[in-house]
Structures are given as structure tokens and as C-alpha cells.
Amino acid sequence: MNELKPSPALLCANCEAPLQGEFCHECGQSIHSVLKPVSHMLEDAGDIFFHMDERIVHTVPPLYTKPGFLTLEYFSGRRVRYIAPFRLMFVFCLLCFFFMHLAINGIKMGASENGERDTFGQFAEAATADDVHELYRKEMRTLIATQSDLATPDVVKTGLGTVQGMVLSAANKRLAELKAPSILPPGSGGEDDVKPSRFTVLGDSSGEFQFHLRWAPDAVNARLNAGLARLQSNVALAINPGPQQSEAIHRIVEGIFGVLPQTMFIMLPVFALLLKLFYLFRRRLYVEHLIVALHSHAFLFFALMILTLLGFAKTAVAGHVPIAGSVIGLVTFAMLLWMPIYLLLMQKRIYRQGWGMTILKYGLIGMVYFWLLIFALTAAVIIGISH
């Protein structure tokens, strides 16, 4: 009689322990080989960064339509079917700022393609010689005030001298069309001469404003002053007409959007700390409040992303199908109204307090966080301008 023999078990290639699933219970190594075609590697990369599988179907709809549902599921231990809170917030944060960046880039700012039409188009539209003279004096006052400011870097002062000549040429061109006398160059004693302002920003002998923090290392002070010089240069080029205005504005926008995601990542634990302070007697761990902050911010970033995409759609179809543009406008209004309501319902369902106390804490937390966010975004804008 033949004896039954057990079939040989698969062994882990790393520790040789018998395998009973897709992962070794001893060392945790997967049974799947890393030697795969490139297409499989790309699928794995997408799964690592975005988890684009069935979990997104279980996560995104309740994230937007069920306030607090994902957070309560996470607290209950039912986590496998949903995308992790930080990964969810991280992906929607990047996508939100990406589409908002596209929207900002679509707005025309600064000089146009020929570099002069936006800046000096007002001269071409001036109806009388007096209008040309008034516009010329206005532009020259701005340029000379900036040029005489000791806080303006030397490289900007050189560029502003060229801009003054461009302004004079544009003004005289329009005066010639109006058959009026030309404006004399600055310093020639003409009636349109603009004197430099007596009020300047104090600076050092190099002509650039400097500051020194006694408690900071020299390398930190040097870096701060270098950033301050870039900030002054970008602002001076952005607010003064000239061929470099558009480039300066573009550089400022790029710098601001480069630091906004990091700013929001810093504000997340701050918001969680506010929740901890306002719900101190609920005896919840700080990490629980952090999960609430992650899910609430993920909802906000997702909503802002959809609103931005709806803005693109409205711009594309409004001119061809007006009723479609009106429908998109109504949907946008409903989404904007849903955002604060969602956050209030989420706070009520998670912390389970009465409506009166919930609304009071909702208002106080919102007010404190709003001003903290304004401060953080202002700092981000300053850092971005010094890019």
C-alpha cells in the first residue's frame, strides 16, 4: 500500500521559513520576484505613490459625501480597504496646487508678448497732450522713487535707467502723433522733470538694505540678506514697467507655489494641536486629532481641486453653451457652501458634543486657525518672492 506524502512546501528565499501566503511570516519578505517587465514596475510605482486600486473607490466618495466617516472607520480599526490618511492628503494636496498653478499661469500678468504693449499701451490711448504729460510724470515719479531708494539693488537701478528711456520714447511717440512738442530728457530742466524723493530707506554703503541677527551664525545672516536682495529685486522689477516685468512676476509665482505645499504640511500638526487644546477633556490622543486634521485637509484639497477643474470647464464651454456655464456656476456655488457645512458635521460626528458647544468650538478653532494660516501663507509668499 502506497503511503501518502505531503507535498513540498514553498520556502522563503530569504530565511527559508515555510510560506503560507504571499508574505513570509518570519521576515515579511514578499514571495513575488522583483525581476519583472518594465510595465509591471510602473504599476508597482503607481501603487506605491497613489494606491490606484479598488481602495480609491472605497475612499474618495465617502471622503466627500460622508463627513467624519473615514476618520471613524480608521479609529475602529477598519483601515485596509481605505487609502491611508497621510497618503490621501499628500496626493490631493499636490494635485490641488498643480491645477491651481495651471490656473494662475493662465491669467495674463505683466508685459505681453511684445514686452511693451501692456506697459506703455496707455500712451497710445491718451487722447490729448496733457494726458500724455500727466502719464509720463506719473510713471517717472514711480521709477525715480524706486531708483533713489537705497534698498534697490544696483542691478535693478541700471535696468530702471533703461526703462526711463523707454517711457520717454513712448511718450514722445504719442506726442508726435498728436502733433505736440516732445518732452525733454530728464535733467534738462524741462517742465516734466521729476525730482527724486527725499525719503529713502536706510541702508549700508553698498546701496542695499542689510540686517544682522546677533544670535545667528554669519552663514545664516548671509543667506537671509541674499534672500532679501532677491526679494527687493523681484519686487522692483514686478511693480515697474519694463521688459523684465513679466519674467519677474513669473518667477515670483513659481517661487510661491514652490513653498505652498510645505507650508500646508507644517500647518497640519498645528491644526491638530488646536483640536487637542479645544478638546482637552475628551481624552483623545494627539495622533487621533492628527488623523482628523489629515482627513479634513484631504477633503479641502480635493474640493479645491474639483473647483479649479470646474473653473477650467466653465471657461471652455461658457462661450459656446451658455446654459452649461450657468450649471457649472450653480455646482460651484453648491460646493463652496458644502465645504464649511462638511467640516462642521465632521467635527460634530467625531467629537460627539452638543450642537451649541460644537458650533462654538467650530467658530473659535476656525478663527484661530484662519489667522495662523494667514501668517503662514504670508511667510510663504515672502519666501516665494525671494526665490
Protein backbone atom coordinates (compact mmCIF):
# COMPACT_ATOMS: atom_id res chain seq x y z
CA MET A 1 0.00 0.00 0.00
CA ASN A 2 1.42 3.36 -1.01
CA GLU A 3 1.85 5.91 1.74
CA LEU A 4 0.64 9.48 1.27
CA LYS A 5 3.44 12.01 1.31
CA PRO A 6 2.89 15.70 1.98
CA SER A 7 3.65 17.97 -0.94
CA PRO A 8 6.81 20.03 -0.52
CA ALA A 9 6.14 23.49 0.93
CA LEU A 10 7.46 26.69 -0.63
CA LEU A 11 10.31 28.19 1.35
CA CYS A 12 11.17 31.85 1.80
CA ALA A 13 14.18 32.73 -0.33
CA ASN A 14 15.48 34.99 2.45
CA CYS A 15 15.11 32.93 5.67
CA GLU A 16 13.89 29.54 4.28
CA ALA A 17 10.80 29.53 6.50
CA PRO A 18 7.76 27.66 5.10
CA LEU A 19 5.44 30.02 3.26
CA GLN A 20 1.70 30.09 3.87
CA GLY A 21 0.75 33.22 1.98
CA GLU A 22 2.18 35.98 -0.22
CA PHE A 23 4.46 37.21 2.56
CA CYS A 24 6.84 35.35 4.88
CA HIS A 25 5.54 35.29 8.46
CA GLU A 26 9.12 35.29 9.77
CA CYS A 27 10.87 38.11 7.89
CA GLY A 28 7.99 39.74 5.97
CA GLN A 29 9.55 39.36 2.51
CA SER A 30 7.14 39.04 -0.43
CA ILE A 31 7.13 35.83 -2.44
CA HIS A 32 6.95 37.82 -5.68
CA SER A 33 10.18 38.40 -7.57
CA VAL A 34 11.45 41.91 -8.21
CA LEU A 35 12.66 40.82 -11.66
CA LYS A 36 9.64 41.95 -13.67
CA PRO A 37 8.94 43.64 -17.00
CA VAL A 38 9.03 47.44 -17.02
CA SER A 39 5.23 47.61 -17.33
CA HIS A 40 4.84 45.74 -14.03
CA MET A 41 7.39 48.03 -12.39
CA LEU A 42 5.38 51.08 -13.45
CA GLU A 43 2.24 49.53 -11.98
CA ASP A 44 4.04 48.93 -8.70
CA ALA A 45 5.34 52.51 -8.67
CA GLY A 46 1.81 53.84 -9.17
CA ASP A 47 0.56 51.62 -6.36
CA ILE A 48 3.32 52.80 -4.01
CA PHE A 49 2.68 56.51 -4.56
CA PHE A 50 -1.04 56.66 -5.30
CA HIS A 51 -2.54 53.26 -4.39
CA MET A 52 -4.63 53.43 -7.55
CA ASP A 53 -6.60 50.26 -6.88
CA GLU A 54 -10.02 49.44 -5.51
CA ARG A 55 -9.22 51.40 -2.34
CA ILE A 56 -9.70 54.68 -4.17
CA VAL A 57 -13.29 53.65 -4.95
CA HIS A 58 -13.93 52.99 -1.27
CA THR A 59 -12.14 56.17 -0.14
CA VAL A 60 -12.95 59.16 -2.35
CA PRO A 61 -16.79 59.04 -2.40
CA PRO A 62 -17.18 58.89 1.41
CA LEU A 63 -14.37 61.41 1.81
CA TYR A 64 -16.52 63.99 0.03
CA THR A 65 -20.07 62.90 0.88
CA LYS A 66 -19.84 61.46 4.43
CA PRO A 67 -18.29 63.89 6.93
CA GLY A 68 -16.18 62.05 9.50
CA PHE A 69 -16.90 58.58 8.09
CA LEU A 70 -13.32 57.72 7.10
CA THR A 71 -11.97 59.03 10.41
CA LEU A 72 -14.37 56.92 12.45
CA GLU A 73 -13.60 53.87 10.31
CA TYR A 74 -9.91 54.43 10.92
CA PHE A 75 -10.49 54.72 14.68
CA SER A 76 -12.50 51.48 14.59
CA GLY A 77 -9.62 49.55 13.05
CA ARG A 78 -11.18 49.12 9.59
CA ARG A 79 -8.28 50.54 7.57
CA VAL A 80 -7.25 48.05 4.87
CA ARG A 81 -9.99 48.97 2.39
CA TYR A 82 -9.16 52.71 2.52
CA ILE A 83 -6.19 54.82 1.45
CA ALA A 84 -4.05 55.89 4.42
CA PRO A 85 -4.85 59.44 5.67
CA PHE A 86 -1.42 60.97 5.05
CA ARG A 87 -1.11 59.45 1.58
CA LEU A 88 -4.60 60.68 0.74
CA MET A 89 -3.88 64.22 1.91
CA PHE A 90 -0.45 64.24 0.27
CA VAL A 91 -1.74 63.25 -3.18
CA PHE A 92 -4.70 65.66 -3.14
CA CYS A 93 -2.50 68.48 -1.84
CA LEU A 94 -0.05 68.10 -4.73
CA LEU A 95 -2.83 67.72 -7.31
CA CYS A 96 -4.69 70.74 -5.92
CA PHE A 97 -1.68 73.05 -6.10
CA PHE A 98 -0.75 71.65 -9.51
CA PHE A 99 -4.11 72.59 -11.05
CA MET A 100 -4.21 75.92 -9.20
CA HIS A 101 -0.75 76.65 -10.59
CA LEU A 102 -2.05 75.96 -14.08
CA ALA A 103 -4.97 78.30 -13.44
CA ILE A 104 -2.68 81.09 -12.23
CA ASN A 105 -0.36 80.63 -15.21
CA GLY A 106 -3.38 81.01 -17.48
CA ILE A 107 -4.00 84.51 -16.16
CA LYS A 108 -2.21 87.19 -18.13
CA MET A 109 0.15 89.13 -15.89
CA GLY A 110 2.84 91.67 -16.57
CA ALA A 111 4.02 92.53 -20.05
CA SER A 112 2.56 90.94 -23.13
CA GLU A 113 4.44 89.06 -25.83
CA ASN A 114 5.94 92.20 -27.38
CA GLY A 115 7.08 93.34 -23.90
CA GLU A 116 5.70 96.88 -24.23
CA ARG A 117 2.03 96.87 -25.11
CA ASP A 118 0.70 96.26 -21.63
CA THR A 119 3.17 98.65 -20.02
CA PHE A 120 3.00 101.54 -22.46
CA GLY A 121 -0.36 100.95 -24.10
CA GLN A 122 -1.81 103.81 -22.06
CA PHE A 123 0.33 106.27 -24.03
CA ALA A 124 -1.25 105.05 -27.28
CA GLU A 125 -4.71 105.53 -25.75
CA ALA A 126 -4.02 109.08 -24.46
CA ALA A 127 -6.42 111.50 -26.15
CA THR A 128 -4.57 114.77 -25.52
CA ALA A 129 -1.03 116.01 -24.98
CA ASP A 130 -1.90 116.88 -21.37
CA ASP A 131 -2.86 113.24 -20.76
CA VAL A 132 0.50 112.12 -22.13
CA HIS A 133 2.40 114.57 -19.91
CA GLU A 134 0.44 113.51 -16.82
CA LEU A 135 1.01 109.82 -17.52
CA TYR A 136 4.69 110.45 -18.17
CA ARG A 137 5.15 112.32 -14.88
CA LYS A 138 3.31 109.57 -13.01
CA GLU A 139 5.50 106.82 -14.45
CA MET A 140 8.70 108.77 -13.91
CA ARG A 141 7.84 109.52 -10.28
CA THR A 142 7.46 105.79 -9.62
CA LEU A 143 10.70 104.92 -11.43
CA ILE A 144 12.78 107.65 -9.80
CA ALA A 145 11.43 106.86 -6.33
CA THR A 146 12.48 103.25 -6.77
CA GLN A 147 15.84 104.19 -8.26
CA SER A 148 16.68 106.61 -5.45
CA ASP A 149 15.77 104.04 -2.80
CA LEU A 150 18.93 102.69 -1.17
CA ALA A 151 17.19 99.36 -0.72
CA THR A 152 17.04 98.85 -4.51
CA PRO A 153 19.93 96.65 -5.74
CA ASP A 154 22.37 98.20 -8.19
CA VAL A 155 21.43 95.79 -10.94
CA VAL A 156 17.80 96.94 -10.70
CA LYS A 157 18.83 100.61 -10.74
CA THR A 158 20.68 100.02 -14.00
CA GLY A 159 17.61 98.41 -15.53
CA LEU A 160 15.37 101.24 -14.35
CA GLY A 161 17.54 103.74 -16.19
CA THR A 162 16.77 101.87 -19.41
CA VAL A 163 13.08 101.80 -18.55
CA GLN A 164 13.06 105.60 -18.14
CA GLY A 165 14.33 105.94 -21.69
CA MET A 166 11.61 103.57 -22.94
CA VAL A 167 8.94 105.60 -21.14
CA LEU A 168 10.28 108.85 -22.67
CA SER A 169 10.31 107.31 -26.15
CA ALA A 170 6.73 106.04 -25.81
CA ALA A 171 5.53 109.44 -24.58
CA ASN A 172 7.26 111.39 -27.38
CA LYS A 173 5.94 108.93 -29.97
CA ARG A 174 2.39 109.66 -28.89
CA LEU A 175 3.06 113.41 -28.72
CA ALA A 176 4.37 113.30 -32.30
CA GLU A 177 1.14 111.59 -33.37
CA LEU A 178 -0.81 114.37 -31.60
CA LYS A 179 1.45 116.99 -33.27
CA ALA A 180 2.58 118.34 -29.89
CA PRO A 181 6.08 119.34 -28.71
CA SER A 182 8.26 116.50 -27.41
CA ILE A 183 9.26 116.04 -23.77
CA LEU A 184 12.85 116.97 -22.98
CA PRO A 185 15.10 114.26 -21.48
CA PRO A 186 15.32 114.09 -17.63
CA GLY A 187 17.75 116.60 -16.15
CA SER A 188 17.42 119.12 -18.97
CA GLY A 189 15.26 121.48 -16.92
CA GLY A 190 12.00 120.83 -18.73
CA GLU A 191 8.61 121.23 -17.10
CA ASP A 192 8.21 117.44 -16.88
CA ASP A 193 11.36 116.88 -14.81
CA VAL A 194 10.60 114.82 -11.70
CA LYS A 195 12.82 115.27 -8.67
CA PRO A 196 13.85 112.26 -6.55
CA SER A 197 12.03 111.83 -3.26
CA ARG A 198 13.81 112.98 -0.10
CA PHE A 199 12.64 109.91 1.77
CA THR A 200 14.75 106.80 1.27
CA VAL A 201 15.27 103.57 3.09
CA LEU A 202 18.35 103.50 5.22
CA GLY A 203 21.00 101.08 4.03
CA ASP A 204 24.67 100.43 4.06
CA SER A 205 27.35 101.93 1.82
CA SER A 206 26.76 99.32 -0.87
CA GLY A 207 23.28 100.68 -1.52
CA GLU A 208 21.43 97.59 -0.31
CA PHE A 209 19.47 97.23 2.88
CA GLN A 210 21.16 94.84 5.32
CA PHE A 211 20.27 93.46 8.71
CA HIS A 212 22.18 91.38 11.19
CA LEU A 213 20.91 88.95 13.80
CA ARG A 214 23.45 88.88 16.59
CA TRP A 215 22.40 85.46 17.83
CA ALA A 216 22.52 83.85 14.35
CA PRO A 217 25.65 82.47 12.63
CA ASP A 218 27.24 84.52 9.86
CA ALA A 219 26.16 81.95 7.26
CA VAL A 220 22.50 82.39 8.29
CA ASN A 221 22.76 86.20 8.12
CA ALA A 222 24.42 85.99 4.71
CA ARG A 223 21.66 83.71 3.44
CA LEU A 224 18.92 85.97 4.83
CA ASN A 225 20.47 89.07 3.25
CA ALA A 226 20.88 87.27 -0.07
CA GLY A 227 17.19 86.35 0.04
CA LEU A 228 16.30 89.94 0.96
CA ALA A 229 18.26 91.23 -2.02
CA ARG A 230 16.42 88.82 -4.34
CA LEU A 231 13.10 89.89 -2.81
CA GLN A 232 13.87 93.57 -3.40
CA SER A 233 14.99 92.87 -6.94
CA ASN A 234 11.92 90.80 -7.82
CA VAL A 235 9.51 93.33 -6.32
CA ALA A 236 11.20 96.26 -8.06
CA LEU A 237 11.08 94.52 -11.43
CA ALA A 238 7.50 93.32 -10.94
CA ILE A 239 5.96 96.68 -9.99
CA ASN A 240 7.83 98.79 -12.55
CA PRO A 241 7.09 98.65 -16.26
CA GLY A 242 9.75 97.14 -18.43
CA PRO A 243 10.71 94.09 -20.47
CA GLN A 244 11.68 92.16 -17.32
CA GLN A 245 8.35 92.68 -15.55
CA SER A 246 6.68 89.54 -16.93
CA GLU A 247 9.70 87.39 -16.10
CA ALA A 248 9.83 88.75 -12.54
CA ILE A 249 6.12 88.08 -11.96
CA HIS A 250 6.51 84.57 -13.35
CA ARG A 251 9.49 83.97 -11.05
CA ILE A 252 7.50 85.18 -8.04
CA VAL A 253 4.53 82.92 -8.83
CA GLU A 254 6.81 79.92 -9.32
CA GLY A 255 8.54 80.62 -6.01
CA ILE A 256 5.27 80.96 -4.09
CA PHE A 257 3.80 77.73 -5.43
CA GLY A 258 7.10 76.02 -4.69
CA VAL A 259 6.69 76.60 -0.93
CA LEU A 260 2.91 76.33 -0.50
CA PRO A 261 2.77 72.51 -0.13
CA GLN A 262 5.50 72.59 2.54
CA THR A 263 3.61 75.35 4.33
CA MET A 264 0.43 73.27 4.48
CA PHE A 265 2.37 70.26 5.78
CA ILE A 266 3.61 72.46 8.63
CA MET A 267 0.09 73.70 9.36
CA LEU A 268 -1.34 70.18 9.70
CA PRO A 269 0.21 69.43 13.13
CA VAL A 270 -0.67 72.98 14.18
CA PHE A 271 -4.33 72.34 13.39
CA ALA A 272 -4.15 69.01 15.25
CA LEU A 273 -2.71 70.84 18.25
CA LEU A 274 -5.64 73.27 18.18
CA LEU A 275 -8.05 70.33 18.22
CA LYS A 276 -6.14 68.82 21.13
CA LEU A 277 -6.39 72.06 23.13
CA PHE A 278 -10.08 72.65 22.43
CA TYR A 279 -10.98 69.02 23.15
CA LEU A 280 -8.55 68.52 26.01
CA PHE A 281 -11.14 66.86 28.24
CA ARG A 282 -12.26 64.37 25.58
CA ARG A 283 -9.14 62.34 26.43
CA ARG A 284 -8.15 61.61 22.86
CA LEU A 285 -4.55 61.08 21.82
CA TYR A 286 -2.80 63.72 19.74
CA VAL A 287 -2.45 61.25 16.87
CA GLU A 288 -6.25 60.95 16.75
CA HIS A 289 -6.55 64.70 16.27
CA LEU A 290 -3.82 64.46 13.62
CA ILE A 291 -5.88 61.91 11.69
CA VAL A 292 -8.86 64.28 11.89
CA ALA A 293 -6.64 67.06 10.51
CA LEU A 294 -5.39 64.82 7.68
CA HIS A 295 -8.88 63.81 6.57
CA SER A 296 -10.31 67.33 6.84
CA HIS A 297 -7.45 68.81 4.83
CA ALA A 298 -7.68 65.98 2.28
CA PHE A 299 -11.35 66.91 1.81
CA LEU A 300 -10.48 70.60 1.38
CA PHE A 301 -7.71 69.92 -1.14
CA PHE A 302 -9.97 67.55 -3.09
CA ALA A 303 -12.78 70.13 -3.12
CA LEU A 304 -10.45 72.92 -4.23
CA MET A 305 -9.07 70.68 -6.97
CA ILE A 306 -12.57 69.94 -8.28
CA LEU A 307 -13.46 73.65 -8.10
CA THR A 308 -10.37 74.51 -10.14
CA LEU A 309 -11.24 71.88 -12.75
CA LEU A 310 -14.80 73.23 -12.89
CA GLY A 311 -13.32 76.67 -13.50
CA PHE A 312 -11.41 75.27 -16.48
CA ALA A 313 -14.57 73.61 -17.78
CA LYS A 314 -16.65 76.78 -17.38
CA THR A 315 -14.09 78.83 -19.28
CA ALA A 316 -14.06 76.25 -22.08
CA VAL A 317 -17.83 75.85 -22.57
CA ALA A 318 -19.36 79.13 -21.37
CA GLY A 319 -18.81 80.88 -24.70
CA HIS A 320 -20.28 78.00 -26.73
CA VAL A 321 -23.02 76.63 -24.44
CA PRO A 322 -24.14 79.39 -22.04
CA ILE A 323 -26.53 77.11 -20.14
CA ALA A 324 -23.67 74.73 -19.38
CA GLY A 325 -21.68 77.62 -17.92
CA SER A 326 -24.66 78.54 -15.71
CA VAL A 327 -24.98 74.94 -14.49
CA ILE A 328 -21.29 74.81 -13.66
CA GLY A 329 -21.67 78.07 -11.76
CA LEU A 330 -24.50 76.62 -9.67
CA VAL A 331 -22.47 73.48 -8.94
CA THR A 332 -19.53 75.62 -7.90
CA PHE A 333 -21.71 77.64 -5.53
CA ALA A 334 -23.14 74.45 -4.00
CA MET A 335 -19.65 73.04 -3.47
CA LEU A 336 -18.46 76.25 -1.80
CA LEU A 337 -21.48 76.10 0.51
CA TRP A 338 -20.85 72.42 1.28
CA MET A 339 -17.26 72.95 2.45
CA PRO A 340 -17.95 74.73 5.80
CA ILE A 341 -21.04 72.57 6.42
CA TYR A 342 -18.98 69.42 5.88
CA LEU A 343 -16.32 70.50 8.38
CA LEU A 344 -18.98 71.33 10.99
CA LEU A 345 -20.73 67.96 10.56
CA MET A 346 -17.38 66.17 10.70
CA GLN A 347 -16.49 67.86 13.97
CA LYS A 348 -19.91 67.03 15.43
CA ARG A 349 -19.79 63.34 14.47
CA ILE A 350 -16.24 62.70 15.64
CA TYR A 351 -16.23 64.53 18.98
CA ARG A 352 -19.89 63.88 19.80
CA GLN A 353 -20.74 67.05 21.68
CA GLY A 354 -23.95 69.06 21.65
CA TRP A 355 -24.68 71.41 18.78
CA GLY A 356 -24.16 74.53 20.89
CA MET A 357 -20.70 73.55 22.10
CA THR A 358 -19.76 72.17 18.68
CA ILE A 359 -20.70 75.40 16.88
CA LEU A 360 -18.87 77.49 19.49
CA LYS A 361 -15.67 75.44 19.22
CA TYR A 362 -16.03 75.29 15.44
CA GLY A 363 -16.07 79.08 15.27
CA LEU A 364 -13.18 79.55 17.70
CA ILE A 365 -10.99 76.89 16.07
CA GLY A 366 -11.77 78.31 12.64
CA MET A 367 -10.93 81.86 13.70
CA VAL A 368 -7.63 80.92 15.36
CA TYR A 369 -6.60 78.65 12.51
CA PHE A 370 -7.56 81.29 9.94
CA TRP A 371 -5.17 83.87 11.40
CA LEU A 372 -2.41 81.27 11.84
CA LEU A 373 -2.92 80.25 8.23
CA ILE A 374 -2.79 83.88 7.07
CA PHE A 375 0.50 84.32 8.95
CA ALA A 376 1.93 81.11 7.45
CA LEU A 377 0.81 81.99 3.92
CA THR A 378 2.27 85.49 4.28
CA ALA A 379 5.60 83.96 5.28
CA ALA A 380 5.33 81.57 2.31
CA VAL A 381 4.67 84.47 -0.05
CA ILE A 382 7.70 86.38 1.29
CA ILE A 383 9.87 83.30 0.86
CA GLY A 384 8.46 82.74 -2.61
CA ILE A 385 9.14 86.34 -3.69
CA SER A 386 12.77 85.95 -2.60
CA HIS A 387 13.09 82.93 -4.91
